[in-house]
Amino acid sequence: SAIPLLLLHAKLTSTTGQIVDSLEMASVKALNSISNFSRRQIETKA
């Protein structure tokens, strides 16, 4: 019964890692968008 649990653990760990990676990528893209937007606002006013 240990081997199926190890396989399940490996699958869950892999899936969790993928979810975390995609969330990190999404947050970086969001921060870049906010940064670019604010930079354009400053350049427009200058």
PDB file of N, CA and C in Angstrom:
ATOM      1  N   SER A   1       0.821  -1.201   0.000  1.00  0.00           N
ATOM      2  CA  SER A   1       0.000   0.000   0.000  1.00  0.00           C
ATOM      3  C   SER A   1       0.859   1.256   0.000  1.00  0.00           C
ATOM      4  N   ALA A   2       2.148   1.117   0.269  1.00  0.00           N
ATOM      5  CA  ALA A   2       3.011   2.296   0.302  1.00  0.00           C
ATOM      6  C   ALA A   2       3.308   2.821  -1.100  1.00  0.00           C
ATOM      7  N   ILE A   3       3.451   1.907  -2.060  1.00  0.00           N
ATOM      8  CA  ILE A   3       3.838   2.333  -3.410  1.00  0.00           C
ATOM      9  C   ILE A   3       2.754   3.197  -4.072  1.00  0.00           C
ATOM     10  N   PRO A   4       1.475   2.804  -4.027  1.00  0.00           N
ATOM     11  CA  PRO A   4       0.465   3.701  -4.602  1.00  0.00           C
ATOM     12  C   PRO A   4       0.442   5.074  -3.928  1.00  0.00           C
ATOM     13  N   LEU A   5       0.672   5.108  -2.616  1.00  0.00           N
ATOM     14  CA  LEU A   5       0.710   6.398  -1.931  1.00  0.00           C
ATOM     15  C   LEU A   5       1.904   7.230  -2.379  1.00  0.00           C
ATOM     16  N   LEU A   6       3.046   6.577  -2.610  1.00  0.00           N
ATOM     17  CA  LEU A   6       4.212   7.300  -3.112  1.00  0.00           C
ATOM     18  C   LEU A   6       3.943   7.869  -4.506  1.00  0.00           C
ATOM     19  N   LEU A   7       3.286   7.068  -5.348  1.00  0.00           N
ATOM     20  CA  LEU A   7       2.951   7.551  -6.689  1.00  0.00           C
ATOM     21  C   LEU A   7       1.982   8.726  -6.619  1.00  0.00           C
ATOM     22  N   LEU A   8       0.990   8.618  -5.745  1.00  0.00           N
ATOM     23  CA  LEU A   8       0.034   9.713  -5.574  1.00  0.00           C
ATOM     24  C   LEU A   8       0.746  10.967  -5.080  1.00  0.00           C
ATOM     25  N   HIS A   9       1.646  10.795  -4.133  1.00  0.00           N
ATOM     26  CA  HIS A   9       2.403  11.932  -3.610  1.00  0.00           C
ATOM     27  C   HIS A   9       3.231  12.587  -4.713  1.00  0.00           C
ATOM     28  N   ALA A  10       3.876  11.779  -5.544  1.00  0.00           N
ATOM     29  CA  ALA A  10       4.680  12.319  -6.642  1.00  0.00           C
ATOM     30  C   ALA A  10       3.806  13.100  -7.614  1.00  0.00           C
ATOM     31  N   LYS A  11       2.632  12.559  -7.928  1.00  0.00           N
ATOM     32  CA  LYS A  11       1.714  13.237  -8.849  1.00  0.00           C
ATOM     33  C   LYS A  11       1.236  14.565  -8.260  1.00  0.00           C
ATOM     34  N   LEU A  12       0.850  14.539  -6.990  1.00  0.00           N
ATOM     35  CA  LEU A  12       0.382  15.769  -6.346  1.00  0.00           C
ATOM     36  C   LEU A  12       1.490  16.813  -6.268  1.00  0.00           C
ATOM     37  N   THR A  13       2.702  16.372  -5.955  1.00  0.00           N
ATOM     38  CA  THR A  13       3.831  17.296  -5.874  1.00  0.00           C
ATOM     39  C   THR A  13       4.104  17.931  -7.234  1.00  0.00           C
ATOM     40  N   SER A  14       4.060  17.120  -8.276  1.00  0.00           N
ATOM     41  CA  SER A  14       4.290  17.622  -9.626  1.00  0.00           C
ATOM     42  C   SER A  14       3.213  18.626 -10.026  1.00  0.00           C
ATOM     43  N   THR A  15       1.961  18.268  -9.777  1.00  0.00           N
ATOM     44  CA  THR A  15       0.855  19.154 -10.139  1.00  0.00           C
ATOM     45  C   THR A  15       0.933  20.461  -9.362  1.00  0.00           C
ATOM     46  N   THR A  16       1.234  20.366  -8.076  1.00  0.00           N
ATOM     47  CA  THR A  16       1.348  21.570  -7.255  1.00  0.00           C
ATOM     48  C   THR A  16       2.464  22.468  -7.770  1.00  0.00           C
ATOM     49  N   GLY A  17       3.586  21.879  -8.138  1.00  0.00           N
ATOM     50  CA  GLY A  17       4.697  22.654  -8.686  1.00  0.00           C
ATOM     51  C   GLY A  17       4.304  23.382  -9.958  1.00  0.00           C
ATOM     52  N   GLN A  18       3.561  22.715 -10.821  1.00  0.00           N
ATOM     53  CA  GLN A  18       3.123  23.349 -12.062  1.00  0.00           C
ATOM     54  C   GLN A  18       2.182  24.513 -11.780  1.00  0.00           C
ATOM     55  N   ILE A  19       1.277  24.327 -10.813  1.00  0.00           N
ATOM     56  CA  ILE A  19       0.339  25.396 -10.467  1.00  0.00           C
ATOM     57  C   ILE A  19       1.095  26.601  -9.907  1.00  0.00           C
ATOM     58  N   VAL A  20       2.048  26.340  -9.023  1.00  0.00           N
ATOM     59  CA  VAL A  20       2.834  27.431  -8.441  1.00  0.00           C
ATOM     60  C   VAL A  20       3.609  28.160  -9.532  1.00  0.00           C
ATOM     61  N   ASP A  21       4.218  27.422 -10.451  1.00  0.00           N
ATOM     62  CA  ASP A  21       4.966  28.046 -11.542  1.00  0.00           C
ATOM     63  C   ASP A  21       4.068  28.939 -12.387  1.00  0.00           C
ATOM     64  N   SER A  22       2.868  28.460 -12.715  1.00  0.00           N
ATOM     65  CA  SER A  22       1.980  29.266 -13.547  1.00  0.00           C
ATOM     66  C   SER A  22       1.494  30.500 -12.796  1.00  0.00           C
ATOM     67  N   LEU A  23       1.270  30.371 -11.485  1.00  0.00           N
ATOM     68  CA  LEU A  23       0.877  31.541 -10.699  1.00  0.00           C
ATOM     69  C   LEU A  23       2.009  32.558 -10.633  1.00  0.00           C
ATOM     70  N   GLU A  24       3.240  32.087 -10.486  1.00  0.00           N
ATOM     71  CA  GLU A  24       4.381  33.001 -10.468  1.00  0.00           C
ATOM     72  C   GLU A  24       4.489  33.737 -11.799  1.00  0.00           C
ATOM     73  N   MET A  25       4.314  33.006 -12.894  1.00  0.00           N
ATOM     74  CA  MET A  25       4.400  33.623 -14.209  1.00  0.00           C
ATOM     75  C   MET A  25       3.299  34.672 -14.381  1.00  0.00           C
ATOM     76  N   ALA A  26       2.091  34.343 -13.936  1.00  0.00           N
ATOM     77  CA  ALA A  26       0.981  35.285 -14.051  1.00  0.00           C
ATOM     78  C   ALA A  26       1.236  36.532 -13.212  1.00  0.00           C
ATOM     79  N   SER A  27       1.789  36.363 -12.025  1.00  0.00           N
ATOM     80  CA  SER A  27       2.044  37.529 -11.174  1.00  0.00           C
ATOM     81  C   SER A  27       3.139  38.410 -11.768  1.00  0.00           C
ATOM     82  N   VAL A  28       4.158  37.800 -12.356  1.00  0.00           N
ATOM     83  CA  VAL A  28       5.212  38.586 -12.997  1.00  0.00           C
ATOM     84  C   VAL A  28       4.641  39.362 -14.178  1.00  0.00           C
ATOM     85  N   LYS A  29       3.795  38.722 -14.980  1.00  0.00           N
ATOM     86  CA  LYS A  29       3.184  39.418 -16.114  1.00  0.00           C
ATOM     87  C   LYS A  29       2.314  40.574 -15.638  1.00  0.00           C
ATOM     88  N   ALA A  30       1.558  40.356 -14.560  1.00  0.00           N
ATOM     89  CA  ALA A  30       0.705  41.418 -14.030  1.00  0.00           C
ATOM     90  C   ALA A  30       1.553  42.589 -13.536  1.00  0.00           C
ATOM     91  N   LEU A  31       2.627  42.295 -12.804  1.00  0.00           N
ATOM     92  CA  LEU A  31       3.497  43.365 -12.316  1.00  0.00           C
ATOM     93  C   LEU A  31       4.150  44.116 -13.472  1.00  0.00           C
ATOM     94  N   ASN A  32       4.557  43.393 -14.510  1.00  0.00           N
ATOM     95  CA  ASN A  32       5.144  44.051 -15.677  1.00  0.00           C
ATOM     96  C   ASN A  32       4.133  44.968 -16.347  1.00  0.00           C
ATOM     97  N   SER A  33       2.889  44.517 -16.460  1.00  0.00           N
ATOM     98  CA  SER A  33       1.853  45.344 -17.075  1.00  0.00           C
ATOM     99  C   SER A  33       1.620  46.611 -16.263  1.00  0.00           C
ATOM    100  N   ILE A  34       1.538  46.463 -14.947  1.00  0.00           N
ATOM    101  CA  ILE A  34       1.335  47.635 -14.083  1.00  0.00           C
ATOM    102  C   ILE A  34       2.515  48.590 -14.204  1.00  0.00           C
ATOM    103  N   SER A  35       3.715  48.040 -14.210  1.00  0.00           N
ATOM    104  CA  SER A  35       4.921  48.860 -14.317  1.00  0.00           C
ATOM    105  C   SER A  35       4.953  49.611 -15.646  1.00  0.00           C
ATOM    106  N   ASN A  36       4.663  48.910 -16.738  1.00  0.00           N
ATOM    107  CA  ASN A  36       4.659  49.557 -18.052  1.00  0.00           C
ATOM    108  C   ASN A  36       3.595  50.637 -18.128  1.00  0.00           C
ATOM    109  N   PHE A  37       2.423  50.364 -17.569  1.00  0.00           N
ATOM    110  CA  PHE A  37       1.337  51.342 -17.595  1.00  0.00           C
ATOM    111  C   PHE A  37       1.736  52.600 -16.829  1.00  0.00           C
ATOM    112  N   SER A  38       2.280  52.432 -15.628  1.00  0.00           N
ATOM    113  CA  SER A  38       2.653  53.601 -14.826  1.00  0.00           C
ATOM    114  C   SER A  38       3.804  54.359 -15.487  1.00  0.00           C
ATOM    115  N   ARG A  39       4.723  53.641 -16.123  1.00  0.00           N
ATOM    116  CA  ARG A  39       5.823  54.305 -16.818  1.00  0.00           C
ATOM    117  C   ARG A  39       5.287  55.154 -17.972  1.00  0.00           C
ATOM    118  N   ARG A  40       4.310  54.613 -18.718  1.00  0.00           N
ATOM    119  CA  ARG A  40       3.714  55.383 -19.815  1.00  0.00           C
ATOM    120  C   ARG A  40       2.982  56.612 -19.286  1.00  0.00           C
ATOM    121  N   GLN A  41       2.312  56.471 -18.143  1.00  0.00           N
ATOM    122  CA  GLN A  41       1.609  57.611 -17.558  1.00  0.00           C
ATOM    123  C   GLN A  41       2.595  58.720 -17.196  1.00  0.00           C
ATOM    124  N   ILE A  42       3.731  58.340 -16.619  1.00  0.00           N
ATOM    125  CA  ILE A  42       4.740  59.332 -16.226  1.00  0.00           C
ATOM    126  C   ILE A  42       5.328  59.999 -17.463  1.00  0.00           C
ATOM    127  N   GLU A  43       5.615  59.205 -18.507  1.00  0.00           N
ATOM    128  CA  GLU A  43       6.189  59.769 -19.733  1.00  0.00           C
ATOM    129  C   GLU A  43       5.199  60.700 -20.412  1.00  0.00           C
ATOM    130  N   THR A  44       3.908  60.390 -20.342  1.00  0.00           N
ATOM    131  CA  THR A  44       2.896  61.232 -20.972  1.00  0.00           C
ATOM    132  C   THR A  44       2.822  62.590 -20.276  1.00  0.00           C
ATOM    133  N   LYS A  45       2.949  62.591 -18.955  1.00  0.00           N
ATOM    134  CA  LYS A  45       2.867  63.842 -18.202  1.00  0.00           C
ATOM    135  C   LYS A  45       4.121  64.684 -18.376  1.00  0.00           C
ATOM    136  N   ALA A  46       5.248  64.053 -18.622  1.00  0.00           N
ATOM    137  CA  ALA A  46       6.519  64.790 -18.713  1.00  0.00           C
ATOM    138  C   ALA A  46       6.659  65.529 -20.026  1.00  0.00           C
TER     139      ALA A  46
END
